[in-house]
Structure formats: C-alpha cells, structure tokens
Amino acid sequence: MNAGSVAVVVTEGIGVPSWSLYELSIPCTVFGKPQPDLADPWYDLRLCATQEPGPDTPANGTGLSLNTRYSLSDIVGADTVIVPSVPDACVDEAEPVAPELITALRLAHDAGARMVSLCTGAFALAEAGILDGRRATAHWMHTAQLAARYPKVRVDDSVLYVDDGDVLTSAGLTAGLDLCLHLVRRDLGPHVANQLARRMVVPAHRPGGQAQFIDLPVPATDDRGLEPVLDWAREHLDRPLTVEDLAQRATVSPRTFYRRLQAATGTTPLQWLLNQRLRRAQSLLESTDLPIARIGELSGLGTANNLRHHFLKQLGVSPSDYRRAFPRA
C-alpha cells in the first residue's frame, strides 16, 4: 500500500463560481491532513498554481489568493495529479483552457502520473487528449457540453465517478469526495478509507432525480464475484438475513464467504449488513414520511427502539434528529 504525492492544480479564478472552492477543498481535506494512526507516511499534498505567485498576484472573485511554492512544473513527477475544476469561461468556450496547463498535464500523464478530475476539471483532461477513447464523467449540468466538444470521450452522466485505471473522473460537489475516498481505498485499503470517511462525517446523499445522486461513498467490494450476492442482499434487507444465507447464495461455505467479504471490504458480513441497513434507513428517513417503526421494519433493523439504538451508536443521532437534519424539499 502506497500513498505517494498528490499535486492539486489550482487554476486562476478558482472560486468563481463559489462552489469550485468546495471541490478544491476536497483533495486538501482528504490528502492534506496527516493521519499517522491510519497510514504513515500519509500523502504528500502539493497545491500547484497555474499563475506564478507573487506579491502583486490579484485575488480572485471571492477575495482569495493563493500563496504556494508549487507551480505547474511541479505536477510532473507527482504520483497523482488532480484538477478540481476549470473556470466557467473555459466550460462555455468563452476562453480556452490555459495552454501551459494542457502542456503540463500531458507531461505528467506521459511520466506515468495517475490523472484525476473533479467536476469541470474533466474539460482540462479532455483538452489534453487524456480522455480520448475513455469513459469519463462530470457534473450532469456539463456532460452534454463535454460530449459535444470532445466526441472521442465516452461521456457517462449516470454515475458519480469513473475509475479507468490511471485516469479517473467524477461528477461535481460531493461526488468529488466519493472519488477521493475511492483513491484512498485503492491506495491504502478499505479500512483506512472507511475510517477516514467516518472522521469526515460524510453525510448521506439527499435523493434527487439524477442518478449521480446515488449514495455510493466507498465502493462495497472489489470482489466482483460477490457483487450479485450483495446486490441481492441489498434488495432483501427487510428479511432476517444471516451469513449462512449469503454464503449459500454465493455457493461457498460460510467461512469462505466471511473471509472473502472481509478481505474485500475490511469489515465482517454482519457489520456489512448493519451498514447497509443503516443506509437504507437513512434513505427512507430522507425521502419519505414513513413512521420510524415502519422504517425499522423495511431496513431490517426491527423495532423503532432497535433502530434508535443503532442510530445513536453508529451515527451519534436519533432517527428523528437525523430526519430533521435532512428535510424533504
């Protein structure tokens, strides 16, 4: 397992619109703060400015300026390069993506860096030709523009993120957090990623009409042979499922199923089931007006008291308080 160096491209004008600051903050939060009890060494984060910093560097539209010793030349040689976003003017073709950024991205990719974009950062990777022939995504508001401008890119607007090995892209806002946690999971394992997500108190996604809003913070497993069984279990959480039930459906012994699931997810089958039941309960609390007792039944957590017990233990809030925190529109 290896963390390595992460170069985050900070484009001129980031923060306009203001939500791009959120996407910039995601890799800073995930990769920038050392977590020595989870992995030591942690990632080496570098904020690389597209504009050479200096005493007369103007602030952007949000009144912020960046003071960093890293420039575009420093992304070459980094293990991972992340482009959080590009200015809206580049998305709308009012101005081109900075040529010097395109050159630096190509050099980094040719040097073997893992290339990552969050939201409109995909436009920079596409302009550099890095996404040619690959499946990629961006925020659903921009995927039509991305597909029209770069026909060689196989744009998918139905997912939170796309992992194409050495090139990864995500939708906007919280989907960028999903992707960064996925990178941690790839690099340092599921236990570290899950512990980090818990420390960050990653909220459940509020339901919406776009498939990109599906709740998928950290992939459930890398063992594709288990996916049909786990998908079946998610569809039958209201049943009293046991490890023996899942093992039988996977046509393996309970001991083998236990070992494979723990190796793939970093958790036991019973804990995995509990997590899925809690997520189902969260979703129902967010999206319906069903009584708490009924939600306990549908999620497989039993009575209202049992649901409350698990919510307080795992999430630190009661089901009623959780529902108030996620009011329906």
Protein backbone atom coordinates (compact mmCIF):
# COMPACT_ATOMS: atom_id res chain seq x y z
CA MET A 1 0.00 0.00 0.00
CA ASN A 2 1.36 3.40 -1.00
CA ALA A 3 0.13 6.97 -0.56
CA GLY A 4 2.60 9.00 -2.60
CA SER A 5 2.49 12.60 -3.75
CA VAL A 6 -0.68 14.39 -4.84
CA ALA A 7 -0.45 17.54 -6.97
CA VAL A 8 -3.64 19.61 -6.98
CA VAL A 9 -3.95 22.10 -9.84
CA VAL A 10 -5.26 25.47 -8.68
CA THR A 11 -6.45 27.35 -11.74
CA GLU A 12 -6.59 31.11 -11.97
CA GLY A 13 -10.05 32.29 -10.99
CA ILE A 14 -10.96 29.23 -8.93
CA GLY A 15 -13.79 30.12 -6.60
CA VAL A 16 -15.84 31.66 -9.41
CA PRO A 17 -18.41 30.18 -9.13
CA SER A 18 -18.01 29.77 -5.40
CA TRP A 19 -18.78 26.03 -5.35
CA SER A 20 -15.46 25.33 -7.10
CA LEU A 21 -13.83 26.23 -3.78
CA TYR A 22 -15.61 23.23 -2.31
CA GLU A 23 -14.13 20.96 -4.95
CA LEU A 24 -10.68 22.42 -4.24
CA SER A 25 -11.19 21.82 -0.52
CA ILE A 26 -11.97 18.12 -1.02
CA PRO A 27 -8.49 16.90 -2.01
CA CYS A 28 -6.97 19.28 0.53
CA THR A 29 -9.07 17.71 3.28
CA VAL A 30 -8.66 14.08 2.17
CA PHE A 31 -4.97 14.13 1.25
CA GLY A 32 -3.58 17.17 3.05
CA LYS A 33 -4.07 16.34 6.71
CA PRO A 34 -1.72 13.63 8.01
CA GLN A 35 -3.45 10.60 9.53
CA PRO A 36 -0.47 8.81 11.13
CA ASP A 37 -2.62 6.31 13.01
CA LEU A 38 -4.20 5.19 9.72
CA ALA A 39 -1.13 5.29 7.47
CA ASP A 40 2.36 6.67 7.96
CA PRO A 41 3.57 8.29 5.82
CA TRP A 42 0.35 9.92 4.61
CA TYR A 43 0.03 11.67 1.25
CA ASP A 44 2.38 14.48 0.24
CA LEU A 45 0.00 17.25 -0.93
CA ARG A 46 1.16 20.00 -3.29
CA LEU A 47 -1.03 22.92 -4.36
CA CYS A 48 0.23 23.86 -7.81
CA ALA A 49 -0.80 27.27 -9.13
CA THR A 50 -1.33 27.86 -12.84
CA GLN A 51 -0.44 31.50 -12.25
CA GLU A 52 3.03 32.22 -10.91
CA PRO A 53 2.55 33.56 -7.37
CA GLY A 54 3.94 36.92 -6.40
CA PRO A 55 3.30 39.94 -4.18
CA ASP A 56 1.08 41.53 -6.81
CA THR A 57 -0.98 38.41 -7.58
CA PRO A 58 -4.60 39.61 -7.60
CA ALA A 59 -7.27 37.95 -5.53
CA ASN A 60 -9.98 36.05 -7.37
CA GLY A 61 -13.66 36.90 -7.41
CA THR A 62 -14.14 35.56 -3.89
CA GLY A 63 -11.39 37.75 -2.47
CA LEU A 64 -8.98 34.84 -2.05
CA SER A 65 -5.42 34.50 -3.26
CA LEU A 66 -3.07 31.52 -3.17
CA ASN A 67 0.38 31.59 -1.66
CA THR A 68 2.22 28.40 -2.62
CA ARG A 69 5.74 27.44 -3.56
CA TYR A 70 4.48 24.96 -6.16
CA SER A 71 3.79 25.78 -9.79
CA LEU A 72 2.63 23.82 -12.83
CA SER A 73 6.11 22.41 -13.34
CA ASP A 74 5.75 20.60 -10.02
CA ILE A 75 2.90 18.38 -11.21
CA VAL A 76 5.37 16.50 -13.41
CA GLY A 77 6.76 13.73 -11.25
CA ALA A 78 3.78 13.63 -8.87
CA ASP A 79 2.16 10.23 -8.34
CA THR A 80 -1.36 11.67 -8.66
CA VAL A 81 -2.49 14.87 -10.38
CA ILE A 82 -5.93 16.29 -9.53
CA VAL A 83 -7.71 19.04 -11.47
CA PRO A 84 -10.62 20.14 -9.24
CA SER A 85 -12.23 22.42 -11.81
CA VAL A 86 -11.65 24.94 -14.57
CA PRO A 87 -13.20 28.41 -14.80
CA ASP A 88 -16.72 28.60 -16.17
CA ALA A 89 -15.42 30.62 -19.10
CA CYS A 90 -13.45 27.56 -20.22
CA VAL A 91 -16.53 25.36 -19.98
CA ASP A 92 -18.58 27.84 -22.01
CA GLU A 93 -15.74 28.26 -24.55
CA ALA A 94 -15.52 31.97 -23.82
CA GLU A 95 -11.81 31.37 -23.30
CA PRO A 96 -9.55 28.34 -23.78
CA VAL A 97 -8.10 26.19 -21.05
CA ALA A 98 -4.65 27.65 -20.35
CA PRO A 99 -2.18 26.14 -22.87
CA GLU A 100 0.52 25.88 -20.22
CA LEU A 101 -1.84 23.76 -18.10
CA ILE A 102 -2.55 21.45 -21.05
CA THR A 103 1.16 21.00 -21.68
CA ALA A 104 1.85 20.26 -18.02
CA LEU A 105 -0.98 17.71 -17.85
CA ARG A 106 0.32 15.89 -20.92
CA LEU A 107 3.83 15.79 -19.49
CA ALA A 108 2.57 14.46 -16.15
CA HIS A 109 0.46 11.80 -17.86
CA ASP A 110 3.37 10.75 -20.10
CA ALA A 111 5.53 10.49 -16.97
CA GLY A 112 3.10 7.95 -15.51
CA ALA A 113 1.04 10.08 -13.12
CA ARG A 114 -2.46 8.99 -12.19
CA MET A 115 -4.72 11.70 -13.62
CA VAL A 116 -7.88 12.76 -11.78
CA SER A 117 -10.55 15.38 -12.45
CA LEU A 118 -13.38 16.60 -10.25
CA CYS A 119 -16.40 18.11 -11.98
CA THR A 120 -15.32 20.53 -14.76
CA GLY A 121 -11.69 19.51 -14.36
CA ALA A 122 -12.62 16.89 -16.96
CA PHE A 123 -12.55 19.64 -19.60
CA ALA A 124 -8.83 20.14 -18.94
CA LEU A 125 -8.09 16.41 -19.19
CA ALA A 126 -10.19 16.18 -22.36
CA GLU A 127 -8.45 19.17 -23.94
CA ALA A 128 -5.12 17.49 -23.23
CA GLY A 129 -6.34 14.37 -25.05
CA ILE A 130 -6.03 12.27 -21.90
CA LEU A 131 -9.68 11.20 -22.02
CA ASP A 132 -9.69 10.18 -25.70
CA GLY A 133 -11.25 6.74 -26.07
CA ARG A 134 -12.03 6.57 -22.37
CA ARG A 135 -15.23 6.58 -20.37
CA ALA A 136 -15.49 9.71 -18.24
CA THR A 137 -17.98 11.84 -16.33
CA ALA A 138 -18.52 15.34 -14.97
CA HIS A 139 -21.36 17.17 -13.26
CA TRP A 140 -24.58 16.33 -15.11
CA MET A 141 -25.05 20.03 -15.93
CA HIS A 142 -21.89 19.94 -18.05
CA THR A 143 -21.80 16.44 -19.52
CA ALA A 144 -23.66 17.45 -22.71
CA GLN A 145 -21.09 20.19 -23.36
CA LEU A 146 -18.25 17.80 -22.63
CA ALA A 147 -19.61 15.17 -25.02
CA ALA A 148 -20.29 17.68 -27.80
CA ARG A 149 -16.88 19.31 -27.62
CA TYR A 150 -14.85 16.12 -27.22
CA PRO A 151 -16.53 13.38 -29.29
CA LYS A 152 -13.64 10.97 -28.66
CA VAL A 153 -14.58 10.87 -24.98
CA ARG A 154 -17.27 8.35 -23.93
CA VAL A 155 -19.17 10.61 -21.54
CA ASP A 156 -21.37 8.92 -18.92
CA ASP A 157 -23.68 11.21 -16.97
CA SER A 158 -25.27 8.42 -14.92
CA VAL A 159 -22.51 7.77 -12.41
CA LEU A 160 -20.81 9.50 -9.52
CA TYR A 161 -17.33 8.75 -10.81
CA VAL A 162 -15.43 6.65 -13.34
CA ASP A 163 -12.31 4.67 -12.48
CA ASP A 164 -10.46 3.89 -15.71
CA GLY A 165 -7.29 2.73 -14.03
CA ASP A 166 -4.75 5.52 -14.39
CA VAL A 167 -7.39 8.14 -15.28
CA LEU A 168 -10.35 8.90 -13.02
CA THR A 169 -13.14 11.47 -13.33
CA SER A 170 -16.02 12.47 -11.08
CA ALA A 171 -19.23 14.44 -11.08
CA GLY A 172 -19.36 17.66 -9.11
CA LEU A 173 -19.50 18.64 -5.46
CA THR A 174 -19.89 15.65 -3.11
CA ALA A 175 -19.16 13.16 -5.89
CA GLY A 176 -15.61 14.52 -5.81
CA LEU A 177 -15.40 13.41 -2.20
CA ASP A 178 -16.64 9.96 -3.21
CA LEU A 179 -13.84 9.71 -5.76
CA CYS A 180 -11.12 10.92 -3.39
CA LEU A 181 -12.20 8.35 -0.80
CA HIS A 182 -12.11 5.75 -3.56
CA LEU A 183 -8.50 6.73 -4.27
CA VAL A 184 -7.64 6.27 -0.61
CA ARG A 185 -9.32 2.89 -0.72
CA ARG A 186 -7.26 1.89 -3.75
CA ASP A 187 -4.03 3.11 -2.22
CA LEU A 188 -4.35 2.26 1.45
CA GLY A 189 -7.19 -0.25 1.68
CA PRO A 190 -10.86 -0.23 2.65
CA HIS A 191 -10.29 0.03 6.40
CA VAL A 192 -8.35 3.28 6.07
CA ALA A 193 -10.89 4.75 3.63
CA ASN A 194 -13.83 3.84 5.82
CA GLN A 195 -12.18 5.23 8.94
CA LEU A 196 -11.32 8.45 7.13
CA ALA A 197 -14.89 8.80 5.84
CA ARG A 198 -16.19 8.37 9.36
CA ARG A 199 -13.85 11.04 10.69
CA MET A 200 -15.04 13.42 8.00
CA VAL A 201 -18.66 12.67 8.97
CA VAL A 202 -19.59 12.17 5.33
CA PRO A 203 -23.34 12.86 5.04
CA ALA A 204 -25.79 10.69 3.14
CA HIS A 205 -26.73 11.99 -0.31
CA ARG A 206 -30.15 13.59 -0.47
CA PRO A 207 -32.38 11.86 -3.02
CA GLY A 208 -32.79 13.54 -6.39
CA GLY A 209 -33.81 12.86 -9.95
CA GLN A 210 -30.26 12.45 -11.24
CA ALA A 211 -28.57 9.05 -10.99
CA GLN A 212 -25.40 10.87 -9.90
CA PHE A 213 -27.07 11.42 -6.55
CA ILE A 214 -26.97 7.68 -5.72
CA ASP A 215 -25.47 7.08 -2.28
CA LEU A 216 -22.13 5.41 -3.03
CA PRO A 217 -19.43 6.90 -0.79
CA VAL A 218 -16.96 3.99 -0.78
CA PRO A 219 -17.44 1.01 -3.11
CA ALA A 220 -18.73 -2.01 -1.24
CA THR A 221 -16.24 -4.54 -2.59
CA ASP A 222 -13.54 -5.20 -5.13
CA ASP A 223 -14.54 -8.87 -5.28
CA ARG A 224 -16.79 -8.86 -8.36
CA GLY A 225 -17.82 -12.45 -7.71
CA LEU A 226 -19.62 -11.30 -4.56
CA GLU A 227 -21.47 -8.41 -6.15
CA PRO A 228 -24.57 -10.40 -7.28
CA VAL A 229 -25.00 -11.75 -3.76
CA LEU A 230 -24.51 -8.34 -2.16
CA ASP A 231 -26.92 -6.74 -4.64
CA TRP A 232 -29.48 -9.40 -3.73
CA ALA A 233 -28.93 -8.74 -0.04
CA ARG A 234 -29.49 -5.00 -0.51
CA GLU A 235 -32.83 -5.77 -2.16
CA HIS A 236 -33.92 -8.00 0.74
CA LEU A 237 -32.73 -6.09 3.79
CA ASP A 238 -36.17 -6.43 5.37
CA ARG A 239 -35.52 -10.16 5.74
CA PRO A 240 -33.64 -11.73 8.70
CA LEU A 241 -30.51 -12.44 6.65
CA THR A 242 -27.64 -14.49 8.08
CA VAL A 243 -24.09 -15.22 6.98
CA GLU A 244 -25.24 -18.74 6.12
CA ASP A 245 -27.97 -17.33 3.84
CA LEU A 246 -25.47 -15.19 1.93
CA ALA A 247 -22.86 -17.93 1.74
CA GLN A 248 -25.39 -20.37 0.39
CA ARG A 249 -26.44 -17.89 -2.27
CA ALA A 250 -22.75 -17.37 -3.18
CA THR A 251 -22.33 -21.18 -3.31
CA VAL A 252 -19.43 -21.10 -0.87
CA SER A 253 -19.03 -22.12 2.74
CA PRO A 254 -19.84 -19.54 5.45
CA ARG A 255 -16.17 -19.45 6.41
CA THR A 256 -15.08 -18.74 2.82
CA PHE A 257 -17.75 -16.08 2.41
CA TYR A 258 -16.68 -14.44 5.67
CA ARG A 259 -13.04 -14.39 4.58
CA ARG A 260 -13.72 -13.04 1.06
CA LEU A 261 -16.04 -10.28 2.22
CA GLN A 262 -13.70 -9.18 4.97
CA ALA A 263 -10.75 -9.13 2.55
CA ALA A 264 -12.72 -7.05 0.03
CA THR A 265 -14.42 -4.57 2.37
CA GLY A 266 -12.40 -4.55 5.58
CA THR A 267 -15.48 -5.48 7.59
CA THR A 268 -17.36 -8.60 8.66
CA PRO A 269 -20.55 -9.81 6.93
CA LEU A 270 -22.70 -8.86 9.92
CA GLN A 271 -21.18 -5.37 10.09
CA TRP A 272 -21.62 -5.01 6.32
CA LEU A 273 -25.30 -5.94 6.69
CA LEU A 274 -25.71 -3.45 9.53
CA ASN A 275 -24.13 -0.69 7.44
CA GLN A 276 -26.45 -1.46 4.53
CA ARG A 277 -29.48 -1.44 6.82
CA LEU A 278 -28.44 1.90 8.27
CA ARG A 279 -28.02 3.37 4.79
CA ARG A 280 -31.45 2.09 3.82
CA ALA A 281 -32.91 3.67 6.95
CA GLN A 282 -31.11 6.94 6.20
CA SER A 283 -32.51 7.00 2.69
CA LEU A 284 -36.05 6.31 3.90
CA LEU A 285 -35.78 8.99 6.58
CA GLU A 286 -34.61 11.50 3.98
CA SER A 287 -37.07 10.66 1.23
CA THR A 288 -40.29 9.52 2.92
CA ASP A 289 -42.71 10.43 5.73
CA LEU A 290 -42.98 6.81 6.88
CA PRO A 291 -43.21 6.25 10.64
CA ILE A 292 -39.95 5.40 12.39
CA ALA A 293 -41.26 1.94 13.28
CA ARG A 294 -42.06 1.17 9.65
CA ILE A 295 -38.61 2.32 8.56
CA GLY A 296 -37.11 -0.03 11.14
CA GLU A 297 -39.04 -2.91 9.57
CA LEU A 298 -38.19 -2.04 5.96
CA SER A 299 -34.49 -1.63 6.71
CA GLY A 300 -34.32 -4.86 8.69
CA LEU A 301 -33.40 -3.12 11.92
CA GLY A 302 -36.58 -4.22 13.65
CA THR A 303 -38.44 -2.08 16.14
CA ALA A 304 -38.28 1.69 16.49
CA ASN A 305 -36.25 1.21 19.69
CA ASN A 306 -33.74 -1.01 17.90
CA LEU A 307 -33.44 1.50 15.06
CA ARG A 308 -32.84 4.27 17.57
CA HIS A 309 -30.20 2.18 19.36
CA HIS A 310 -28.20 1.58 16.19
CA PHE A 311 -28.51 5.19 15.00
CA LEU A 312 -27.26 6.54 18.31
CA LYS A 313 -24.41 4.02 18.43
CA GLN A 314 -23.26 4.31 14.80
CA LEU A 315 -24.25 7.86 13.81
CA GLY A 316 -24.49 9.68 17.12
CA VAL A 317 -28.03 10.98 16.47
CA SER A 318 -31.54 9.62 16.82
CA PRO A 319 -33.62 8.78 13.72
CA SER A 320 -35.88 11.76 14.45
CA ASP A 321 -32.95 14.17 14.70
CA TYR A 322 -31.47 12.71 11.50
CA ARG A 323 -34.76 13.29 9.67
CA ARG A 324 -34.87 16.91 10.87
CA ALA A 325 -31.33 17.41 9.53
CA PHE A 326 -32.42 16.28 6.06
CA PRO A 327 -35.81 17.91 5.49
CA ARG A 328 -37.69 16.98 2.35
CA ALA A 329 -37.98 19.72 -0.26
